[in-house]
Amino acid sequence: MTTSQVKQQTRILVQAAAAACEDKKGEDTRILELDPIDAGLSDFFLVTSATNDRQAIAIADEIEHRLKKVFGATPNSVEGRRQGEWILLDYVDFVVHVFLVERRAFYDIERLRKSARPLTPAEFDAELKAALAEKTRAVRKKSAVAVKPKKAAAKKAVSARKTAPAKKSVAKKSVAKKAPAKKAAVKKAPAKKKAAKKAPVKRASAQK
């Protein structure tokens, strides 16, 4: 896959993970689109909050289960699941952070990533849909351009087929007209042979 296709796939995974957070009542869910220079290997951080450790574990489990079931994606590593205060799921191209509310306020990961662009799940979803729609339009436009030469070639082939019988009929007519001339030449040949037979008779009368 190309770089743009990989990033598009990553966006779809992040969107699914954010939906899992929403379904499990995660609070103040944010998606940070990281600056390429500051990001390292990851493109996005998904950050959400839980009111207690049991909810934090439930959110992390739902994200992991959903991404594996729907997309076959599994995290490269998982940290903090036992304590449930800060659970980190590393999917390489994006990282999920599930915090207890007080821990999130203490570490303030959004402040540490000042260069990142924060998005709500709804904003992120709208951008993803717009990108997919643009990609669909580009593909349709490309296929339409490719179809035009094919249609032109098909029209030429049809016109060539229509003109072909006319050429054949002209050729047949010309052959038919020339045929009688050849037959006439054949009939005249015997007349010359008869003239050749009479010549010796004239010579004999001259000798007498």
C-alpha atoms as a PDB file:
ATOM      1  CA  MET A   1       0.000   0.000   0.000  1.00  0.00           C
ATOM      2  CA  THR A   2       1.024   3.602  -0.576  1.00  0.00           C
ATOM      3  CA  THR A   3       1.681   6.033   2.293  1.00  0.00           C
ATOM      4  CA  SER A   4      -1.693   7.740   1.784  1.00  0.00           C
ATOM      5  CA  GLN A   5      -3.491   4.377   1.827  1.00  0.00           C
ATOM      6  CA  VAL A   6      -1.734   3.374   5.070  1.00  0.00           C
ATOM      7  CA  LYS A   7      -2.707   6.682   6.693  1.00  0.00           C
ATOM      8  CA  GLN A   8      -6.285   6.256   5.493  1.00  0.00           C
ATOM      9  CA  GLN A   9      -6.411   2.786   7.042  1.00  0.00           C
ATOM     10  CA  THR A  10      -4.981   4.177  10.285  1.00  0.00           C
ATOM     11  CA  ARG A  11      -7.716   6.829  10.370  1.00  0.00           C
ATOM     12  CA  ILE A  12     -10.372   4.130  10.004  1.00  0.00           C
ATOM     13  CA  LEU A  13      -8.869   2.186  12.937  1.00  0.00           C
ATOM     14  CA  VAL A  14      -8.702   5.312  15.099  1.00  0.00           C
ATOM     15  CA  GLN A  15     -12.326   6.075  14.265  1.00  0.00           C
ATOM     16  CA  ALA A  16     -13.364   2.546  15.323  1.00  0.00           C
ATOM     17  CA  ALA A  17     -11.366   2.837  18.574  1.00  0.00           C
ATOM     18  CA  ALA A  18     -12.996   6.200  19.340  1.00  0.00           C
ATOM     19  CA  ALA A  19     -16.441   4.663  18.737  1.00  0.00           C
ATOM     20  CA  ALA A  20     -15.571   1.908  21.242  1.00  0.00           C
ATOM     21  CA  CYS A  21     -14.659   4.580  23.810  1.00  0.00           C
ATOM     22  CA  GLU A  22     -17.995   6.287  23.261  1.00  0.00           C
ATOM     23  CA  ASP A  23     -19.907   3.011  23.574  1.00  0.00           C
ATOM     24  CA  LYS A  24     -18.237   2.295  26.926  1.00  0.00           C
ATOM     25  CA  LYS A  25     -19.002   5.798  28.208  1.00  0.00           C
ATOM     26  CA  GLY A  26     -15.464   7.144  28.005  1.00  0.00           C
ATOM     27  CA  GLU A  27     -15.345  10.832  28.950  1.00  0.00           C
ATOM     28  CA  ASP A  28     -13.840  13.778  27.068  1.00  0.00           C
ATOM     29  CA  THR A  29     -12.497  11.578  24.254  1.00  0.00           C
ATOM     30  CA  ARG A  30      -9.993  13.399  22.068  1.00  0.00           C
ATOM     31  CA  ILE A  31      -7.939  12.478  19.029  1.00  0.00           C
ATOM     32  CA  LEU A  32      -4.589  14.223  18.673  1.00  0.00           C
ATOM     33  CA  GLU A  33      -3.221  14.398  15.133  1.00  0.00           C
ATOM     34  CA  LEU A  34       0.474  14.537  15.862  1.00  0.00           C
ATOM     35  CA  ASP A  35       2.980  16.764  14.121  1.00  0.00           C
ATOM     36  CA  PRO A  36       5.070  14.564  11.759  1.00  0.00           C
ATOM     37  CA  ILE A  37       8.305  16.002  13.182  1.00  0.00           C
ATOM     38  CA  ASP A  38       7.232  15.426  16.788  1.00  0.00           C
ATOM     39  CA  ALA A  39       5.285  12.212  16.270  1.00  0.00           C
ATOM     40  CA  GLY A  40       8.039   9.641  15.919  1.00  0.00           C
ATOM     41  CA  LEU A  41       6.399   6.459  14.644  1.00  0.00           C
ATOM     42  CA  SER A  42       2.786   7.323  15.554  1.00  0.00           C
ATOM     43  CA  ASP A  43       0.379   9.541  13.641  1.00  0.00           C
ATOM     44  CA  PHE A  44      -2.376   9.832  16.268  1.00  0.00           C
ATOM     45  CA  PHE A  45      -3.018   9.682  20.007  1.00  0.00           C
ATOM     46  CA  LEU A  46      -6.489   8.660  21.153  1.00  0.00           C
ATOM     47  CA  VAL A  47      -7.119   9.879  24.707  1.00  0.00           C
ATOM     48  CA  THR A  48     -10.153   9.124  26.864  1.00  0.00           C
ATOM     49  CA  SER A  49     -11.062   9.134  30.564  1.00  0.00           C
ATOM     50  CA  ALA A  50     -12.754   6.638  32.906  1.00  0.00           C
ATOM     51  CA  THR A  51     -14.263   7.251  36.324  1.00  0.00           C
ATOM     52  CA  ASN A  52     -12.791   4.058  37.850  1.00  0.00           C
ATOM     53  CA  ASP A  53     -10.285   1.315  37.055  1.00  0.00           C
ATOM     54  CA  ARG A  54     -12.973  -1.228  36.101  1.00  0.00           C
ATOM     55  CA  GLN A  55     -14.356   1.137  33.461  1.00  0.00           C
ATOM     56  CA  ALA A  56     -10.837   1.883  32.185  1.00  0.00           C
ATOM     57  CA  ILE A  57     -10.165  -1.857  31.715  1.00  0.00           C
ATOM     58  CA  ALA A  58     -13.573  -2.320  30.043  1.00  0.00           C
ATOM     59  CA  ILE A  59     -12.798   0.491  27.551  1.00  0.00           C
ATOM     60  CA  ALA A  60      -9.369  -0.933  26.731  1.00  0.00           C
ATOM     61  CA  ASP A  61     -10.811  -4.456  26.308  1.00  0.00           C
ATOM     62  CA  GLU A  62     -13.575  -3.194  24.003  1.00  0.00           C
ATOM     63  CA  ILE A  63     -11.095  -1.337  21.796  1.00  0.00           C
ATOM     64  CA  GLU A  64      -8.804  -4.359  21.538  1.00  0.00           C
ATOM     65  CA  HIS A  65     -11.686  -6.759  20.874  1.00  0.00           C
ATOM     66  CA  ARG A  66     -13.364  -4.578  18.234  1.00  0.00           C
ATOM     67  CA  LEU A  67     -10.235  -3.803  16.224  1.00  0.00           C
ATOM     68  CA  LYS A  68      -9.213  -7.463  16.201  1.00  0.00           C
ATOM     69  CA  LYS A  69     -12.669  -8.744  15.257  1.00  0.00           C
ATOM     70  CA  VAL A  70     -13.443  -6.193  12.521  1.00  0.00           C
ATOM     71  CA  PHE A  71     -10.005  -5.373  11.121  1.00  0.00           C
ATOM     72  CA  GLY A  72      -7.711  -8.140  12.373  1.00  0.00           C
ATOM     73  CA  ALA A  73      -5.562  -5.494  14.086  1.00  0.00           C
ATOM     74  CA  THR A  74      -3.829  -6.268  17.382  1.00  0.00           C
ATOM     75  CA  PRO A  75      -1.753  -3.906  19.549  1.00  0.00           C
ATOM     76  CA  ASN A  76       2.002  -4.158  19.402  1.00  0.00           C
ATOM     77  CA  SER A  77       2.058  -3.825  23.194  1.00  0.00           C
ATOM     78  CA  VAL A  78      -0.334  -3.159  26.107  1.00  0.00           C
ATOM     79  CA  GLU A  79       0.726  -1.488  29.349  1.00  0.00           C
ATOM     80  CA  GLY A  80      -1.001  -0.663  32.662  1.00  0.00           C
ATOM     81  CA  ARG A  81      -3.969  -2.994  32.336  1.00  0.00           C
ATOM     82  CA  ARG A  82      -3.556  -4.462  35.845  1.00  0.00           C
ATOM     83  CA  GLN A  83      -3.629  -1.147  37.656  1.00  0.00           C
ATOM     84  CA  GLY A  84      -6.200   0.450  35.345  1.00  0.00           C
ATOM     85  CA  GLU A  85      -5.008   3.995  36.119  1.00  0.00           C
ATOM     86  CA  TRP A  86      -3.375   4.580  32.727  1.00  0.00           C
ATOM     87  CA  ILE A  87      -3.763   1.864  30.089  1.00  0.00           C
ATOM     88  CA  LEU A  88      -1.737   2.276  26.929  1.00  0.00           C
ATOM     89  CA  LEU A  89      -2.445   0.297  23.737  1.00  0.00           C
ATOM     90  CA  ASP A  90       0.276   0.757  21.122  1.00  0.00           C
ATOM     91  CA  TYR A  91      -0.882   0.081  17.549  1.00  0.00           C
ATOM     92  CA  VAL A  92       2.341   1.648  16.179  1.00  0.00           C
ATOM     93  CA  ASP A  93       0.629   4.096  13.801  1.00  0.00           C
ATOM     94  CA  PHE A  94      -1.595   5.289  16.637  1.00  0.00           C
ATOM     95  CA  VAL A  95      -1.578   4.933  20.424  1.00  0.00           C
ATOM     96  CA  VAL A  96      -4.607   4.719  22.734  1.00  0.00           C
ATOM     97  CA  HIS A  97      -4.407   6.234  26.239  1.00  0.00           C
ATOM     98  CA  VAL A  98      -7.179   5.311  28.696  1.00  0.00           C
ATOM     99  CA  PHE A  99      -6.792   7.389  31.877  1.00  0.00           C
ATOM    100  CA  LEU A 100      -8.567   7.660  35.181  1.00  0.00           C
ATOM    101  CA  VAL A 101      -9.849  11.251  35.337  1.00  0.00           C
ATOM    102  CA  GLU A 102      -7.361  12.363  38.025  1.00  0.00           C
ATOM    103  CA  ARG A 103      -4.410  10.702  36.294  1.00  0.00           C
ATOM    104  CA  ARG A 104      -5.236  12.391  33.006  1.00  0.00           C
ATOM    105  CA  ALA A 105      -5.299  15.760  34.736  1.00  0.00           C
ATOM    106  CA  PHE A 106      -1.962  14.982  36.437  1.00  0.00           C
ATOM    107  CA  TYR A 107      -0.063  13.908  33.305  1.00  0.00           C
ATOM    108  CA  ASP A 108      -1.904  16.379  31.000  1.00  0.00           C
ATOM    109  CA  ILE A 109      -0.776  14.605  27.850  1.00  0.00           C
ATOM    110  CA  GLU A 110      -2.614  17.116  25.619  1.00  0.00           C
ATOM    111  CA  ARG A 111      -0.487  19.949  27.012  1.00  0.00           C
ATOM    112  CA  LEU A 112       2.704  17.979  26.421  1.00  0.00           C
ATOM    113  CA  ARG A 113       1.739  17.617  22.755  1.00  0.00           C
ATOM    114  CA  LYS A 114       1.140  21.295  22.013  1.00  0.00           C
ATOM    115  CA  SER A 115       1.992  20.875  18.327  1.00  0.00           C
ATOM    116  CA  ALA A 116      -0.742  18.248  17.889  1.00  0.00           C
ATOM    117  CA  ARG A 117      -4.111  19.114  16.398  1.00  0.00           C
ATOM    118  CA  PRO A 118      -6.924  18.089  18.789  1.00  0.00           C
ATOM    119  CA  LEU A 119     -10.160  16.723  17.321  1.00  0.00           C
ATOM    120  CA  THR A 120     -13.370  15.417  18.811  1.00  0.00           C
ATOM    121  CA  PRO A 121     -14.583  12.029  17.492  1.00  0.00           C
ATOM    122  CA  ALA A 122     -17.347  13.849  15.564  1.00  0.00           C
ATOM    123  CA  GLU A 123     -14.856  16.217  13.895  1.00  0.00           C
ATOM    124  CA  PHE A 124     -12.524  13.349  13.100  1.00  0.00           C
ATOM    125  CA  ASP A 125     -15.414  11.335  11.645  1.00  0.00           C
ATOM    126  CA  ALA A 126     -16.485  14.256   9.423  1.00  0.00           C
ATOM    127  CA  GLU A 127     -12.946  14.687   8.082  1.00  0.00           C
ATOM    128  CA  LEU A 128     -12.648  10.964   7.371  1.00  0.00           C
ATOM    129  CA  LYS A 129     -15.953  10.884   5.474  1.00  0.00           C
ATOM    130  CA  ALA A 130     -14.915  13.918   3.422  1.00  0.00           C
ATOM    131  CA  ALA A 131     -11.579  12.281   2.558  1.00  0.00           C
ATOM    132  CA  LEU A 132     -13.270   9.026   1.513  1.00  0.00           C
ATOM    133  CA  ALA A 133     -15.794  10.926  -0.616  1.00  0.00           C
ATOM    134  CA  GLU A 134     -12.982  12.833  -2.347  1.00  0.00           C
ATOM    135  CA  LYS A 135     -11.151   9.587  -3.028  1.00  0.00           C
ATOM    136  CA  THR A 136     -14.316   8.048  -4.519  1.00  0.00           C
ATOM    137  CA  ARG A 137     -14.796  11.045  -6.834  1.00  0.00           C
ATOM    138  CA  ALA A 138     -11.181  10.834  -7.986  1.00  0.00           C
ATOM    139  CA  VAL A 139     -11.522   7.117  -8.783  1.00  0.00           C
ATOM    140  CA  ARG A 140     -14.754   7.681 -10.727  1.00  0.00           C
ATOM    141  CA  LYS A 141     -13.207  10.546 -12.689  1.00  0.00           C
ATOM    142  CA  LYS A 142     -10.192   8.418 -13.542  1.00  0.00           C
ATOM    143  CA  SER A 143     -12.354   5.505 -14.710  1.00  0.00           C
ATOM    144  CA  ALA A 144     -14.507   7.851 -16.823  1.00  0.00           C
ATOM    145  CA  VAL A 145     -11.415   9.220 -18.581  1.00  0.00           C
ATOM    146  CA  ALA A 146     -10.212   5.669 -19.257  1.00  0.00           C
ATOM    147  CA  VAL A 147     -13.596   4.647 -20.746  1.00  0.00           C
ATOM    148  CA  LYS A 148     -13.641   7.436 -23.375  1.00  0.00           C
ATOM    149  CA  PRO A 149     -10.781   6.030 -25.544  1.00  0.00           C
ATOM    150  CA  LYS A 150     -12.426   2.606 -25.413  1.00  0.00           C
ATOM    151  CA  LYS A 151     -15.726   4.035 -26.682  1.00  0.00           C
ATOM    152  CA  ALA A 152     -13.945   5.879 -29.485  1.00  0.00           C
ATOM    153  CA  ALA A 153     -12.152   2.690 -30.532  1.00  0.00           C
ATOM    154  CA  ALA A 154     -15.459   0.791 -30.479  1.00  0.00           C
ATOM    155  CA  LYS A 155     -17.087   3.402 -32.750  1.00  0.00           C
ATOM    156  CA  LYS A 156     -14.197   3.149 -35.231  1.00  0.00           C
ATOM    157  CA  ALA A 157     -14.520  -0.625 -35.285  1.00  0.00           C
ATOM    158  CA  VAL A 158     -18.265  -0.401 -35.975  1.00  0.00           C
ATOM    159  CA  SER A 159     -17.792   2.116 -38.790  1.00  0.00           C
ATOM    160  CA  ALA A 160     -15.052  -0.065 -40.285  1.00  0.00           C
ATOM    161  CA  ARG A 161     -17.413  -3.049 -40.299  1.00  0.00           C
ATOM    162  CA  LYS A 162     -20.128  -1.027 -42.017  1.00  0.00           C
ATOM    163  CA  THR A 163     -17.834   0.136 -44.839  1.00  0.00           C
ATOM    164  CA  ALA A 164     -16.210  -3.290 -45.422  1.00  0.00           C
ATOM    165  CA  PRO A 165     -19.166  -4.916 -47.361  1.00  0.00           C
ATOM    166  CA  ALA A 166     -19.330  -1.946 -49.758  1.00  0.00           C
ATOM    167  CA  LYS A 167     -15.714  -2.447 -50.785  1.00  0.00           C
ATOM    168  CA  LYS A 168     -16.281  -6.152 -51.390  1.00  0.00           C
ATOM    169  CA  SER A 169     -19.313  -5.532 -53.634  1.00  0.00           C
ATOM    170  CA  VAL A 170     -17.335  -3.034 -55.714  1.00  0.00           C
ATOM    171  CA  ALA A 171     -14.602  -5.620 -56.176  1.00  0.00           C
ATOM    172  CA  LYS A 172     -17.130  -8.260 -57.315  1.00  0.00           C
ATOM    173  CA  LYS A 173     -18.687  -5.882 -59.876  1.00  0.00           C
ATOM    174  CA  SER A 174     -15.320  -5.076 -61.413  1.00  0.00           C
ATOM    175  CA  VAL A 175     -14.518  -8.776 -61.732  1.00  0.00           C
ATOM    176  CA  ALA A 176     -17.901  -9.418 -63.356  1.00  0.00           C
ATOM    177  CA  LYS A 177     -17.335  -6.699 -65.958  1.00  0.00           C
ATOM    178  CA  LYS A 178     -13.895  -7.973 -66.945  1.00  0.00           C
ATOM    179  CA  ALA A 179     -14.989 -11.613 -67.333  1.00  0.00           C
ATOM    180  CA  PRO A 180     -16.804 -11.239 -70.728  1.00  0.00           C
ATOM    181  CA  ALA A 181     -13.718  -9.682 -72.314  1.00  0.00           C
ATOM    182  CA  LYS A 182     -11.691 -12.800 -71.558  1.00  0.00           C
ATOM    183  CA  LYS A 183     -14.365 -15.100 -73.074  1.00  0.00           C
ATOM    184  CA  ALA A 184     -14.463 -13.045 -76.292  1.00  0.00           C
ATOM    185  CA  ALA A 185     -10.738 -13.433 -76.720  1.00  0.00           C
ATOM    186  CA  VAL A 186     -11.083 -17.194 -76.444  1.00  0.00           C
ATOM    187  CA  LYS A 187     -13.709 -17.351 -79.239  1.00  0.00           C
ATOM    188  CA  LYS A 188     -11.508 -15.481 -81.744  1.00  0.00           C
ATOM    189  CA  ALA A 189      -8.658 -17.969 -81.417  1.00  0.00           C
ATOM    190  CA  PRO A 190     -10.246 -20.752 -83.581  1.00  0.00           C
ATOM    191  CA  ALA A 191     -10.755 -18.292 -86.486  1.00  0.00           C
ATOM    192  CA  LYS A 192      -7.008 -17.816 -86.806  1.00  0.00           C
ATOM    193  CA  LYS A 193      -6.455 -21.587 -86.948  1.00  0.00           C
ATOM    194  CA  LYS A 194      -8.894 -22.005 -89.903  1.00  0.00           C
ATOM    195  CA  ALA A 195      -7.023 -19.375 -91.873  1.00  0.00           C
ATOM    196  CA  ALA A 196      -3.815 -21.292 -91.368  1.00  0.00           C
ATOM    197  CA  LYS A 197      -5.357 -24.508 -92.867  1.00  0.00           C
ATOM    198  CA  LYS A 198      -6.490 -22.782 -96.130  1.00  0.00           C
ATOM    199  CA  ALA A 199      -3.048 -21.411 -96.979  1.00  0.00           C
ATOM    200  CA  PRO A 200      -1.525 -24.641 -98.341  1.00  0.00           C
ATOM    201  CA  VAL A 201      -4.436 -25.071-100.870  1.00  0.00           C
ATOM    202  CA  LYS A 202      -3.660 -21.746-102.523  1.00  0.00           C
ATOM    203  CA  ARG A 203       0.030 -22.660-102.950  1.00  0.00           C
ATOM    204  CA  ALA A 204      -0.878 -25.909-104.746  1.00  0.00           C
ATOM    205  CA  SER A 205      -3.007 -24.154-107.360  1.00  0.00           C
ATOM    206  CA  ALA A 206      -0.163 -21.806-108.137  1.00  0.00           C
ATOM    207  CA  GLN A 207       2.168 -24.661-109.055  1.00  0.00           C
ATOM    208  CA  LYS A 208      -0.263 -26.043-111.656  1.00  0.00           C
END
